[in-house]
Amino acid sequence: MNALVLQLGGLRPGIAFPDVEWLVGNDWTVTLVVSLLPDGAQVPPGVTVVEVGDLEQVAALWRAERFFVLAAPSGAMRKLRAVVTKLGGVRGLGRPARVVAGVVISLHAFQYRASRGLHHRWMAGPYRVLRPLWLWRLLRRSALEELLQTKPDLVVCADRDAISTAWHIARRYPSVEVTYGVNRVRPIGVSVPEPVSA
């Protein structure tokens, strides 16, 4: 039987490993989809690992936010500091350039703090809400057909970012069982009888 374990959040990289080990121990063929796997991570043996973190980092939304909030303002401030420093070497402009240099340094420090604050506000707010849907769209466009070549019998969500992707997979394949974590008490694939009303 085939299992697809989705761990798309980046906060706790090994959170899916206990479920993966249990599935492998019960003779499942497991494919682990992670957004980012740390270098020292010990993946359980016999597991196919697919990293999809690069998909997110080449996407337009991710790159645009970093450019407009972090890179462009910082680059502009560095250029302004370089111009003020060059003006300090011009005869007659040394004293005014030193006065302006102090203001430019303070402005650069403010810009750095403001850019970092906006970046963290974006990552903790709207992007955190949009990320699961965004990852589903990226996976659907590039890696989904490869992941579903062998149709899984079970899809396990290891974190909240995987729920949207698992929901879409379940919608596409209604016979696939989707769960949040592995229920180790009830055998997977066995239906629980419905209570009969009197």
N, C-alpha and C. Protein backbone atom coordinates (compact mmCIF):
# COMPACT_ATOMS: atom_id res chain seq x y z
N MET A 1 0.85 -1.17 0.00
CA MET A 1 0.00 0.00 0.00
C MET A 1 0.89 1.23 0.00
N ASN A 2 0.43 2.27 -0.66
CA ASN A 2 1.21 3.49 -0.83
C ASN A 2 0.67 4.59 0.06
N ALA A 3 1.60 5.31 0.70
CA ALA A 3 1.22 6.45 1.54
C ALA A 3 1.99 7.67 1.08
N LEU A 4 1.32 8.80 1.08
CA LEU A 4 1.92 10.08 0.75
C LEU A 4 1.84 10.94 2.01
N VAL A 5 2.98 11.28 2.58
CA VAL A 5 3.03 12.08 3.81
C VAL A 5 3.45 13.49 3.42
N LEU A 6 2.61 14.47 3.75
CA LEU A 6 2.86 15.86 3.39
C LEU A 6 3.28 16.65 4.63
N GLN A 7 4.47 17.21 4.57
CA GLN A 7 4.94 18.10 5.64
C GLN A 7 5.46 19.36 4.96
N LEU A 8 4.59 20.35 4.80
CA LEU A 8 4.93 21.52 4.01
C LEU A 8 5.27 22.74 4.85
N GLY A 9 5.11 22.67 6.17
CA GLY A 9 5.51 23.77 7.03
C GLY A 9 7.00 23.67 7.34
N GLY A 10 7.61 24.80 7.62
CA GLY A 10 9.05 24.79 7.85
C GLY A 10 9.46 24.92 9.29
N LEU A 11 8.51 24.98 10.23
CA LEU A 11 8.87 25.26 11.61
C LEU A 11 9.47 24.05 12.33
N ARG A 12 8.89 22.88 12.15
CA ARG A 12 9.37 21.67 12.84
C ARG A 12 9.63 20.60 11.79
N PRO A 13 10.85 20.54 11.24
CA PRO A 13 11.11 19.69 10.08
C PRO A 13 10.90 18.20 10.30
N GLY A 14 11.08 17.66 11.48
CA GLY A 14 10.97 16.22 11.68
C GLY A 14 9.66 15.76 12.26
N ILE A 15 8.63 16.61 12.21
CA ILE A 15 7.37 16.28 12.88
C ILE A 15 6.69 15.05 12.25
N ALA A 16 6.94 14.77 11.00
CA ALA A 16 6.28 13.64 10.33
C ALA A 16 7.02 12.33 10.52
N PHE A 17 8.23 12.35 11.06
CA PHE A 17 9.05 11.14 11.12
C PHE A 17 8.43 10.01 11.94
N PRO A 18 7.78 10.27 13.09
CA PRO A 18 7.14 9.15 13.81
C PRO A 18 6.05 8.46 12.98
N ASP A 19 5.24 9.25 12.27
CA ASP A 19 4.22 8.65 11.41
C ASP A 19 4.85 7.86 10.27
N VAL A 20 5.91 8.41 9.69
CA VAL A 20 6.59 7.74 8.58
C VAL A 20 7.21 6.43 9.06
N GLU A 21 7.85 6.46 10.22
CA GLU A 21 8.46 5.23 10.76
C GLU A 21 7.39 4.17 11.03
N TRP A 22 6.24 4.59 11.56
CA TRP A 22 5.17 3.64 11.84
C TRP A 22 4.64 3.03 10.54
N LEU A 23 4.46 3.86 9.53
CA LEU A 23 3.97 3.36 8.24
C LEU A 23 4.96 2.39 7.60
N VAL A 24 6.26 2.75 7.63
CA VAL A 24 7.28 1.87 7.05
C VAL A 24 7.33 0.57 7.84
N GLY A 25 7.19 0.64 9.16
CA GLY A 25 7.19 -0.56 10.00
C GLY A 25 6.00 -1.47 9.73
N ASN A 26 4.92 -0.94 9.17
CA ASN A 26 3.73 -1.72 8.84
C ASN A 26 3.65 -2.01 7.34
N ASP A 27 4.78 -2.05 6.68
CA ASP A 27 4.92 -2.45 5.27
C ASP A 27 4.20 -1.53 4.28
N TRP A 28 4.23 -0.23 4.54
CA TRP A 28 3.72 0.74 3.59
C TRP A 28 4.88 1.27 2.75
N THR A 29 4.61 1.62 1.51
CA THR A 29 5.57 2.34 0.68
C THR A 29 5.28 3.82 0.89
N VAL A 30 6.27 4.56 1.42
CA VAL A 30 6.03 5.93 1.85
C VAL A 30 6.80 6.91 0.98
N THR A 31 6.09 7.97 0.56
CA THR A 31 6.71 9.11 -0.10
C THR A 31 6.51 10.31 0.83
N LEU A 32 7.60 10.89 1.27
CA LEU A 32 7.55 12.04 2.18
C LEU A 32 7.80 13.30 1.38
N VAL A 33 6.84 14.21 1.38
CA VAL A 33 6.97 15.49 0.68
C VAL A 33 7.21 16.56 1.73
N VAL A 34 8.37 17.19 1.69
CA VAL A 34 8.73 18.22 2.67
C VAL A 34 9.06 19.51 1.94
N SER A 35 8.82 20.63 2.62
CA SER A 35 9.19 21.90 2.02
C SER A 35 10.70 22.10 2.14
N LEU A 36 11.26 21.73 3.27
CA LEU A 36 12.70 21.88 3.45
C LEU A 36 13.17 20.84 4.46
N LEU A 37 14.18 20.11 4.10
CA LEU A 37 14.73 19.09 4.99
C LEU A 37 16.11 19.54 5.43
N PRO A 38 16.36 19.70 6.74
CA PRO A 38 17.67 20.14 7.19
C PRO A 38 18.76 19.14 6.82
N ASP A 39 19.99 19.63 6.76
CA ASP A 39 21.12 18.79 6.32
C ASP A 39 21.32 17.56 7.20
N GLY A 40 21.16 17.71 8.51
CA GLY A 40 21.44 16.60 9.42
C GLY A 40 20.24 15.70 9.71
N ALA A 41 19.16 15.87 8.98
CA ALA A 41 17.94 15.10 9.27
C ALA A 41 18.15 13.63 8.91
N GLN A 42 17.76 12.75 9.83
CA GLN A 42 17.85 11.31 9.61
C GLN A 42 16.50 10.80 9.16
N VAL A 43 16.34 10.67 7.86
CA VAL A 43 15.09 10.19 7.29
C VAL A 43 15.01 8.69 7.51
N PRO A 44 13.87 8.18 7.93
CA PRO A 44 13.73 6.73 8.10
C PRO A 44 14.09 5.98 6.81
N PRO A 45 14.74 4.83 6.93
CA PRO A 45 15.16 4.10 5.73
C PRO A 45 13.97 3.59 4.91
N GLY A 46 14.16 3.55 3.60
CA GLY A 46 13.13 3.04 2.72
C GLY A 46 12.08 4.07 2.35
N VAL A 47 12.33 5.35 2.62
CA VAL A 47 11.36 6.40 2.35
C VAL A 47 11.86 7.25 1.18
N THR A 48 10.98 7.50 0.23
CA THR A 48 11.31 8.41 -0.87
C THR A 48 11.01 9.83 -0.41
N VAL A 49 12.01 10.70 -0.49
CA VAL A 49 11.85 12.08 -0.02
C VAL A 49 11.81 13.01 -1.22
N VAL A 50 10.82 13.89 -1.24
CA VAL A 50 10.69 14.90 -2.29
C VAL A 50 10.69 16.26 -1.60
N GLU A 51 11.69 17.09 -1.93
CA GLU A 51 11.75 18.45 -1.37
C GLU A 51 11.14 19.43 -2.34
N VAL A 52 10.24 20.26 -1.86
CA VAL A 52 9.55 21.21 -2.72
C VAL A 52 9.80 22.66 -2.29
N GLY A 53 10.77 22.89 -1.43
CA GLY A 53 11.07 24.25 -0.97
C GLY A 53 11.53 25.17 -2.08
N ASP A 54 12.22 24.61 -3.08
CA ASP A 54 12.68 25.43 -4.19
C ASP A 54 11.51 25.97 -5.01
N LEU A 55 10.42 25.22 -5.07
CA LEU A 55 9.25 25.70 -5.81
C LEU A 55 8.75 27.03 -5.25
N GLU A 56 8.74 27.11 -3.93
CA GLU A 56 8.25 28.32 -3.28
C GLU A 56 9.20 29.48 -3.51
N GLN A 57 10.50 29.21 -3.48
CA GLN A 57 11.47 30.29 -3.57
C GLN A 57 11.64 30.85 -4.97
N VAL A 58 11.22 30.13 -5.99
CA VAL A 58 11.30 30.68 -7.34
C VAL A 58 9.97 31.29 -7.78
N ALA A 59 8.95 31.21 -6.94
CA ALA A 59 7.64 31.75 -7.28
C ALA A 59 7.68 33.28 -7.25
N ALA A 60 6.85 33.88 -8.08
CA ALA A 60 6.85 35.34 -8.24
C ALA A 60 6.49 36.07 -6.95
N LEU A 61 5.51 35.58 -6.21
CA LEU A 61 5.07 36.27 -5.00
C LEU A 61 6.19 36.33 -3.96
N TRP A 62 6.88 35.21 -3.76
CA TRP A 62 7.97 35.14 -2.78
C TRP A 62 9.11 36.06 -3.17
N ARG A 63 9.50 36.04 -4.45
CA ARG A 63 10.61 36.86 -4.90
C ARG A 63 10.25 38.34 -4.91
N ALA A 64 9.03 38.68 -5.32
CA ALA A 64 8.62 40.09 -5.39
C ALA A 64 8.61 40.72 -4.00
N GLU A 65 8.11 39.99 -3.01
CA GLU A 65 8.10 40.55 -1.65
C GLU A 65 9.51 40.82 -1.17
N ARG A 66 10.43 39.91 -1.40
CA ARG A 66 11.80 40.11 -0.96
C ARG A 66 12.48 41.24 -1.72
N PHE A 67 12.16 41.38 -3.00
CA PHE A 67 12.78 42.46 -3.76
C PHE A 67 12.26 43.82 -3.30
N PHE A 68 10.93 44.01 -3.28
CA PHE A 68 10.38 45.32 -2.98
C PHE A 68 10.50 45.72 -1.52
N VAL A 69 10.52 44.75 -0.62
CA VAL A 69 10.57 45.09 0.81
C VAL A 69 12.00 45.07 1.35
N LEU A 70 12.84 44.15 0.88
CA LEU A 70 14.18 44.02 1.44
C LEU A 70 15.29 44.52 0.51
N ALA A 71 15.37 44.00 -0.69
CA ALA A 71 16.52 44.25 -1.54
C ALA A 71 16.55 45.66 -2.13
N ALA A 72 15.46 46.11 -2.72
CA ALA A 72 15.45 47.42 -3.39
C ALA A 72 15.70 48.58 -2.42
N PRO A 73 15.00 48.67 -1.29
CA PRO A 73 15.29 49.79 -0.37
C PRO A 73 16.71 49.75 0.18
N SER A 74 17.19 48.55 0.48
CA SER A 74 18.55 48.44 1.01
C SER A 74 19.58 48.84 -0.05
N GLY A 75 19.37 48.42 -1.29
CA GLY A 75 20.28 48.81 -2.37
C GLY A 75 20.28 50.31 -2.60
N ALA A 76 19.09 50.93 -2.55
CA ALA A 76 19.00 52.38 -2.72
C ALA A 76 19.74 53.11 -1.61
N MET A 77 19.60 52.63 -0.39
CA MET A 77 20.30 53.28 0.73
C MET A 77 21.82 53.11 0.62
N ARG A 78 22.28 51.96 0.16
CA ARG A 78 23.72 51.77 -0.02
C ARG A 78 24.26 52.72 -1.09
N LYS A 79 23.50 52.90 -2.16
CA LYS A 79 23.93 53.83 -3.22
C LYS A 79 23.96 55.26 -2.69
N LEU A 80 22.97 55.65 -1.90
CA LEU A 80 22.94 56.99 -1.32
C LEU A 80 24.13 57.20 -0.40
N ARG A 81 24.47 56.20 0.41
CA ARG A 81 25.64 56.31 1.28
C ARG A 81 26.92 56.44 0.47
N ALA A 82 27.01 55.70 -0.64
CA ALA A 82 28.20 55.79 -1.48
C ALA A 82 28.33 57.18 -2.10
N VAL A 83 27.22 57.77 -2.54
CA VAL A 83 27.25 59.11 -3.12
C VAL A 83 27.68 60.13 -2.08
N VAL A 84 27.14 60.04 -0.88
CA VAL A 84 27.50 60.98 0.18
C VAL A 84 28.97 60.83 0.56
N THR A 85 29.46 59.59 0.58
CA THR A 85 30.88 59.36 0.89
C THR A 85 31.76 59.97 -0.19
N LYS A 86 31.39 59.83 -1.46
CA LYS A 86 32.17 60.42 -2.55
C LYS A 86 32.13 61.94 -2.49
N LEU A 87 30.98 62.51 -2.13
CA LEU A 87 30.88 63.96 -2.00
C LEU A 87 31.76 64.48 -0.87
N GLY A 88 32.00 63.66 0.13
CA GLY A 88 32.88 64.06 1.23
C GLY A 88 34.32 64.28 0.78
N GLY A 89 34.72 63.67 -0.33
CA GLY A 89 36.07 63.85 -0.86
C GLY A 89 36.22 65.06 -1.76
N VAL A 90 35.12 65.70 -2.13
CA VAL A 90 35.17 66.88 -2.99
C VAL A 90 35.51 68.09 -2.13
N ARG A 91 36.46 68.88 -2.61
CA ARG A 91 36.91 70.05 -1.86
C ARG A 91 35.76 71.03 -1.67
N GLY A 92 35.58 71.45 -0.45
CA GLY A 92 34.52 72.39 -0.12
C GLY A 92 33.21 71.74 0.28
N LEU A 93 33.06 70.45 0.04
CA LEU A 93 31.83 69.75 0.41
C LEU A 93 32.05 68.77 1.56
N GLY A 94 33.27 68.74 2.12
CA GLY A 94 33.58 67.77 3.17
C GLY A 94 32.73 67.92 4.42
N ARG A 95 32.65 69.17 4.94
CA ARG A 95 31.89 69.39 6.17
C ARG A 95 30.40 69.14 5.97
N PRO A 96 29.75 69.70 4.93
CA PRO A 96 28.33 69.39 4.74
C PRO A 96 28.08 67.90 4.49
N ALA A 97 29.00 67.24 3.79
CA ALA A 97 28.83 65.81 3.52
C ALA A 97 28.90 65.00 4.80
N ARG A 98 29.77 65.40 5.74
CA ARG A 98 29.84 64.68 7.02
C ARG A 98 28.55 64.86 7.82
N VAL A 99 27.97 66.05 7.76
CA VAL A 99 26.70 66.28 8.46
C VAL A 99 25.60 65.43 7.83
N VAL A 100 25.54 65.42 6.52
CA VAL A 100 24.53 64.64 5.81
C VAL A 100 24.79 63.14 6.00
N ALA A 101 26.06 62.73 6.11
CA ALA A 101 26.38 61.31 6.27
C ALA A 101 25.77 60.75 7.55
N GLY A 102 25.78 61.53 8.63
CA GLY A 102 25.16 61.07 9.87
C GLY A 102 23.67 60.84 9.71
N VAL A 103 23.01 61.76 8.99
CA VAL A 103 21.58 61.62 8.74
C VAL A 103 21.31 60.40 7.85
N VAL A 104 22.17 60.19 6.84
CA VAL A 104 21.98 59.06 5.92
C VAL A 104 22.18 57.74 6.66
N ILE A 105 23.15 57.69 7.56
CA ILE A 105 23.38 56.46 8.34
C ILE A 105 22.17 56.17 9.22
N SER A 106 21.63 57.19 9.86
CA SER A 106 20.42 56.99 10.68
C SER A 106 19.23 56.56 9.82
N LEU A 107 19.11 57.16 8.64
CA LEU A 107 18.03 56.79 7.73
C LEU A 107 18.18 55.35 7.26
N HIS A 108 19.43 54.93 7.00
CA HIS A 108 19.67 53.55 6.58
C HIS A 108 19.31 52.58 7.70
N ALA A 109 19.65 52.90 8.93
CA ALA A 109 19.30 52.04 10.06
C ALA A 109 17.77 51.95 10.21
N PHE A 110 17.09 53.09 10.06
CA PHE A 110 15.62 53.08 10.13
C PHE A 110 15.04 52.24 9.00
N GLN A 111 15.57 52.42 7.79
CA GLN A 111 15.08 51.65 6.64
C GLN A 111 15.26 50.16 6.87
N TYR A 112 16.40 49.75 7.43
CA TYR A 112 16.66 48.33 7.69
C TYR A 112 15.62 47.77 8.67
N ARG A 113 15.40 48.51 9.77
CA ARG A 113 14.43 48.04 10.77
C ARG A 113 13.01 48.01 10.20
N ALA A 114 12.66 49.05 9.42
CA ALA A 114 11.31 49.10 8.84
C ALA A 114 11.11 47.98 7.81
N SER A 115 12.13 47.71 6.99
CA SER A 115 12.02 46.64 5.99
C SER A 115 11.88 45.29 6.67
N ARG A 116 12.68 45.05 7.69
CA ARG A 116 12.59 43.77 8.41
C ARG A 116 11.24 43.64 9.09
N GLY A 117 10.75 44.73 9.67
CA GLY A 117 9.44 44.70 10.32
C GLY A 117 8.32 44.40 9.33
N LEU A 118 8.36 45.06 8.17
CA LEU A 118 7.34 44.78 7.14
C LEU A 118 7.44 43.34 6.66
N HIS A 119 8.66 42.87 6.47
CA HIS A 119 8.85 41.49 6.01
C HIS A 119 8.27 40.50 7.02
N HIS A 120 8.58 40.68 8.30
CA HIS A 120 8.07 39.76 9.32
C HIS A 120 6.56 39.90 9.48
N ARG A 121 6.04 41.11 9.33
CA ARG A 121 4.60 41.32 9.41
C ARG A 121 3.90 40.60 8.25
N TRP A 122 4.51 40.64 7.07
CA TRP A 122 3.95 39.95 5.89
C TRP A 122 4.02 38.44 6.08
N MET A 123 5.16 37.93 6.54
CA MET A 123 5.32 36.49 6.69
C MET A 123 4.43 35.93 7.80
N ALA A 124 4.22 36.70 8.86
CA ALA A 124 3.40 36.22 9.97
C ALA A 124 1.91 36.45 9.72
N GLY A 125 1.58 37.34 8.81
CA GLY A 125 0.18 37.67 8.58
C GLY A 125 -0.38 37.08 7.30
N PRO A 126 -0.48 37.91 6.26
CA PRO A 126 -1.14 37.44 5.03
C PRO A 126 -0.45 36.25 4.36
N TYR A 127 0.88 36.24 4.33
CA TYR A 127 1.56 35.15 3.64
C TYR A 127 1.35 33.82 4.35
N ARG A 128 1.27 33.85 5.67
CA ARG A 128 1.02 32.62 6.44
C ARG A 128 -0.34 32.03 6.08
N VAL A 129 -1.31 32.89 5.80
CA VAL A 129 -2.64 32.43 5.42
C VAL A 129 -2.65 31.95 3.97
N LEU A 130 -1.95 32.67 3.10
CA LEU A 130 -1.95 32.34 1.68
C LEU A 130 -1.03 31.17 1.32
N ARG A 131 -0.02 30.89 2.15
CA ARG A 131 1.01 29.91 1.81
C ARG A 131 0.47 28.51 1.49
N PRO A 132 -0.45 27.94 2.28
CA PRO A 132 -0.96 26.60 1.92
C PRO A 132 -1.62 26.56 0.54
N LEU A 133 -2.41 27.58 0.21
CA LEU A 133 -3.05 27.62 -1.10
C LEU A 133 -2.01 27.84 -2.20
N TRP A 134 -1.05 28.68 -1.91
CA TRP A 134 0.03 28.96 -2.86
C TRP A 134 0.84 27.70 -3.13
N LEU A 135 1.16 26.94 -2.08
CA LEU A 135 1.91 25.70 -2.26
C LEU A 135 1.12 24.69 -3.08
N TRP A 136 -0.18 24.62 -2.87
CA TRP A 136 -1.00 23.71 -3.67
C TRP A 136 -0.90 24.08 -5.15
N ARG A 137 -1.02 25.36 -5.46
CA ARG A 137 -0.94 25.79 -6.86
C ARG A 137 0.42 25.47 -7.46
N LEU A 138 1.49 25.68 -6.69
CA LEU A 138 2.83 25.38 -7.19
C LEU A 138 3.03 23.88 -7.40
N LEU A 139 2.55 23.08 -6.45
CA LEU A 139 2.66 21.63 -6.59
C LEU A 139 1.83 21.12 -7.77
N ARG A 140 0.65 21.66 -7.92
CA ARG A 140 -0.23 21.22 -9.01
C ARG A 140 0.42 21.49 -10.37
N ARG A 141 1.08 22.63 -10.49
CA ARG A 141 1.69 23.00 -11.76
C ARG A 141 2.94 22.19 -12.08
N SER A 142 3.71 21.81 -11.06
CA SER A 142 5.03 21.27 -11.37
C SER A 142 5.27 19.84 -10.90
N ALA A 143 4.80 19.46 -9.73
CA ALA A 143 5.23 18.17 -9.18
C ALA A 143 4.11 17.19 -8.88
N LEU A 144 2.87 17.59 -9.03
CA LEU A 144 1.77 16.72 -8.58
C LEU A 144 1.67 15.44 -9.39
N GLU A 145 1.79 15.52 -10.70
CA GLU A 145 1.66 14.32 -11.53
C GLU A 145 2.75 13.31 -11.19
N GLU A 146 3.95 13.81 -10.91
CA GLU A 146 5.05 12.92 -10.53
C GLU A 146 4.77 12.26 -9.18
N LEU A 147 4.23 13.03 -8.24
CA LEU A 147 3.94 12.48 -6.91
C LEU A 147 2.82 11.44 -6.96
N LEU A 148 1.88 11.62 -7.87
CA LEU A 148 0.71 10.75 -7.91
C LEU A 148 0.78 9.69 -9.02
N GLN A 149 1.98 9.43 -9.53
CA GLN A 149 2.11 8.37 -10.54
C GLN A 149 1.65 7.03 -9.98
N THR A 150 2.09 6.73 -8.76
CA THR A 150 1.54 5.56 -8.06
C THR A 150 0.48 6.12 -7.12
N LYS A 151 -0.76 5.87 -7.42
CA LYS A 151 -1.87 6.46 -6.67
C LYS A 151 -1.77 6.05 -5.20
N PRO A 152 -1.73 7.02 -4.29
CA PRO A 152 -1.63 6.67 -2.87
C PRO A 152 -2.95 6.14 -2.32
N ASP A 153 -2.83 5.25 -1.36
CA ASP A 153 -4.01 4.76 -0.65
C ASP A 153 -4.30 5.63 0.57
N LEU A 154 -3.27 6.35 1.02
CA LEU A 154 -3.39 7.17 2.22
C LEU A 154 -2.59 8.44 2.03
N VAL A 155 -3.16 9.58 2.41
CA VAL A 155 -2.45 10.86 2.43
C VAL A 155 -2.47 11.35 3.87
N VAL A 156 -1.28 11.62 4.41
CA VAL A 156 -1.15 12.06 5.80
C VAL A 156 -0.67 13.50 5.81
N CYS A 157 -1.43 14.37 6.49
CA CYS A 157 -1.02 15.76 6.70
C CYS A 157 -0.23 15.81 8.00
N ALA A 158 1.00 16.27 7.94
CA ALA A 158 1.81 16.35 9.15
C ALA A 158 1.71 17.72 9.81
N ASP A 159 1.25 18.73 9.08
CA ASP A 159 1.13 20.08 9.64
C ASP A 159 0.01 20.83 8.92
N ARG A 160 -0.28 22.02 9.38
CA ARG A 160 -1.42 22.77 8.86
C ARG A 160 -1.21 23.23 7.42
N ASP A 161 0.03 23.43 6.99
CA ASP A 161 0.28 23.88 5.62
C ASP A 161 -0.02 22.80 4.59
N ALA A 162 -0.13 21.55 5.01
CA ALA A 162 -0.39 20.46 4.09
C ALA A 162 -1.88 20.19 3.90
N ILE A 163 -2.72 20.81 4.70
CA ILE A 163 -4.15 20.50 4.67
C ILE A 163 -4.77 20.87 3.33
N SER A 164 -4.43 22.03 2.80
CA SER A 164 -5.01 22.45 1.53
C SER A 164 -4.63 21.50 0.40
N THR A 165 -3.37 21.10 0.35
CA THR A 165 -2.91 20.17 -0.68
C THR A 165 -3.60 18.82 -0.53
N ALA A 166 -3.71 18.33 0.69
CA ALA A 166 -4.36 17.04 0.93
C ALA A 166 -5.84 17.11 0.56
N TRP A 167 -6.49 18.22 0.85
CA TRP A 167 -7.90 18.38 0.51
C TRP A 167 -8.09 18.30 -1.01
N HIS A 168 -7.21 18.98 -1.75
CA HIS A 168 -7.32 18.95 -3.21
C HIS A 168 -7.04 17.56 -3.77
N ILE A 169 -6.09 16.85 -3.17
CA ILE A 169 -5.82 15.47 -3.62
C ILE A 169 -7.03 14.59 -3.34
N ALA A 170 -7.65 14.75 -2.17
CA ALA A 170 -8.83 13.96 -1.83
C ALA A 170 -10.00 14.29 -2.75
N ARG A 171 -10.08 15.52 -3.16
CA ARG A 171 -11.15 15.92 -4.07
C ARG A 171 -10.94 15.30 -5.45
N ARG A 172 -9.67 15.22 -5.85
CA ARG A 172 -9.36 14.64 -7.15
C ARG A 172 -9.49 13.12 -7.13
N TYR A 173 -9.11 12.50 -6.01
CA TYR A 173 -9.19 11.04 -5.85
C TYR A 173 -10.06 10.73 -4.63
N PRO A 174 -11.36 10.60 -4.78
CA PRO A 174 -12.25 10.40 -3.62
C PRO A 174 -11.99 9.11 -2.86
N SER A 175 -11.39 8.11 -3.48
CA SER A 175 -11.17 6.84 -2.78
C SER A 175 -9.96 6.87 -1.86
N VAL A 176 -9.16 7.93 -1.91
CA VAL A 176 -7.97 8.04 -1.07
C VAL A 176 -8.37 8.48 0.32
N GLU A 177 -7.84 7.81 1.32
CA GLU A 177 -8.11 8.20 2.70
C GLU A 177 -7.13 9.31 3.08
N VAL A 178 -7.64 10.39 3.63
CA VAL A 178 -6.82 11.53 4.04
C VAL A 178 -6.97 11.70 5.53
N THR A 179 -5.84 11.89 6.21
CA THR A 179 -5.87 12.02 7.67
C THR A 179 -4.84 13.04 8.12
N TYR A 180 -5.09 13.59 9.28
CA TYR A 180 -4.14 14.50 9.91
C TYR A 180 -3.41 13.70 10.98
N GLY A 181 -2.24 13.21 10.63
CA GLY A 181 -1.53 12.30 11.52
C GLY A 181 -2.08 10.90 11.34
N VAL A 182 -1.32 9.91 11.74
CA VAL A 182 -1.73 8.52 11.56
C VAL A 182 -2.45 8.05 12.81
N ASN A 183 -3.65 7.48 12.60
CA ASN A 183 -4.39 6.88 13.70
C ASN A 183 -3.83 5.48 13.90
N ARG A 184 -3.01 5.29 14.92
CA ARG A 184 -2.33 4.02 15.12
C ARG A 184 -3.18 3.00 15.84
N VAL A 185 -4.40 3.38 16.25
CA VAL A 185 -5.29 2.46 16.95
C VAL A 185 -6.14 1.69 15.96
N ARG A 186 -6.83 2.40 15.06
CA ARG A 186 -7.69 1.77 14.07
C ARG A 186 -6.84 1.41 12.85
N PRO A 187 -6.89 0.19 12.38
CA PRO A 187 -6.13 -0.17 11.18
C PRO A 187 -6.58 0.66 9.99
N ILE A 188 -5.62 1.17 9.24
CA ILE A 188 -5.92 2.00 8.09
C ILE A 188 -6.52 1.14 6.99
N GLY A 189 -7.54 1.65 6.34
CA GLY A 189 -8.19 0.94 5.26
C GLY A 189 -9.37 0.11 5.72
N VAL A 190 -9.63 0.08 7.04
CA VAL A 190 -10.76 -0.71 7.57
C VAL A 190 -11.84 0.29 7.99
N SER A 191 -13.01 0.12 7.46
CA SER A 191 -14.11 1.04 7.77
C SER A 191 -14.70 0.71 9.14
N VAL A 192 -15.05 1.76 9.83
CA VAL A 192 -15.72 1.59 11.11
C VAL A 192 -17.21 1.55 10.83
N PRO A 193 -17.94 0.51 11.31
CA PRO A 193 -19.36 0.41 11.01
C PRO A 193 -20.13 1.57 11.63
N GLU A 194 -21.12 2.03 10.90
CA GLU A 194 -21.98 3.12 11.37
C GLU A 194 -22.96 2.57 12.39
N PRO A 195 -23.25 3.34 13.46
CA PRO A 195 -24.24 2.86 14.42
C PRO A 195 -25.64 2.83 13.77
N VAL A 196 -26.37 1.79 14.07
CA VAL A 196 -27.71 1.62 13.52
C VAL A 196 -28.70 2.28 14.46
N SER A 197 -29.54 3.14 13.91
CA SER A 197 -30.53 3.79 14.75
C SER A 197 -31.74 2.87 14.92
N ALA A 198 -32.36 2.95 16.06
CA ALA A 198 -33.48 2.05 16.38
C ALA A 198 -34.76 2.50 15.78
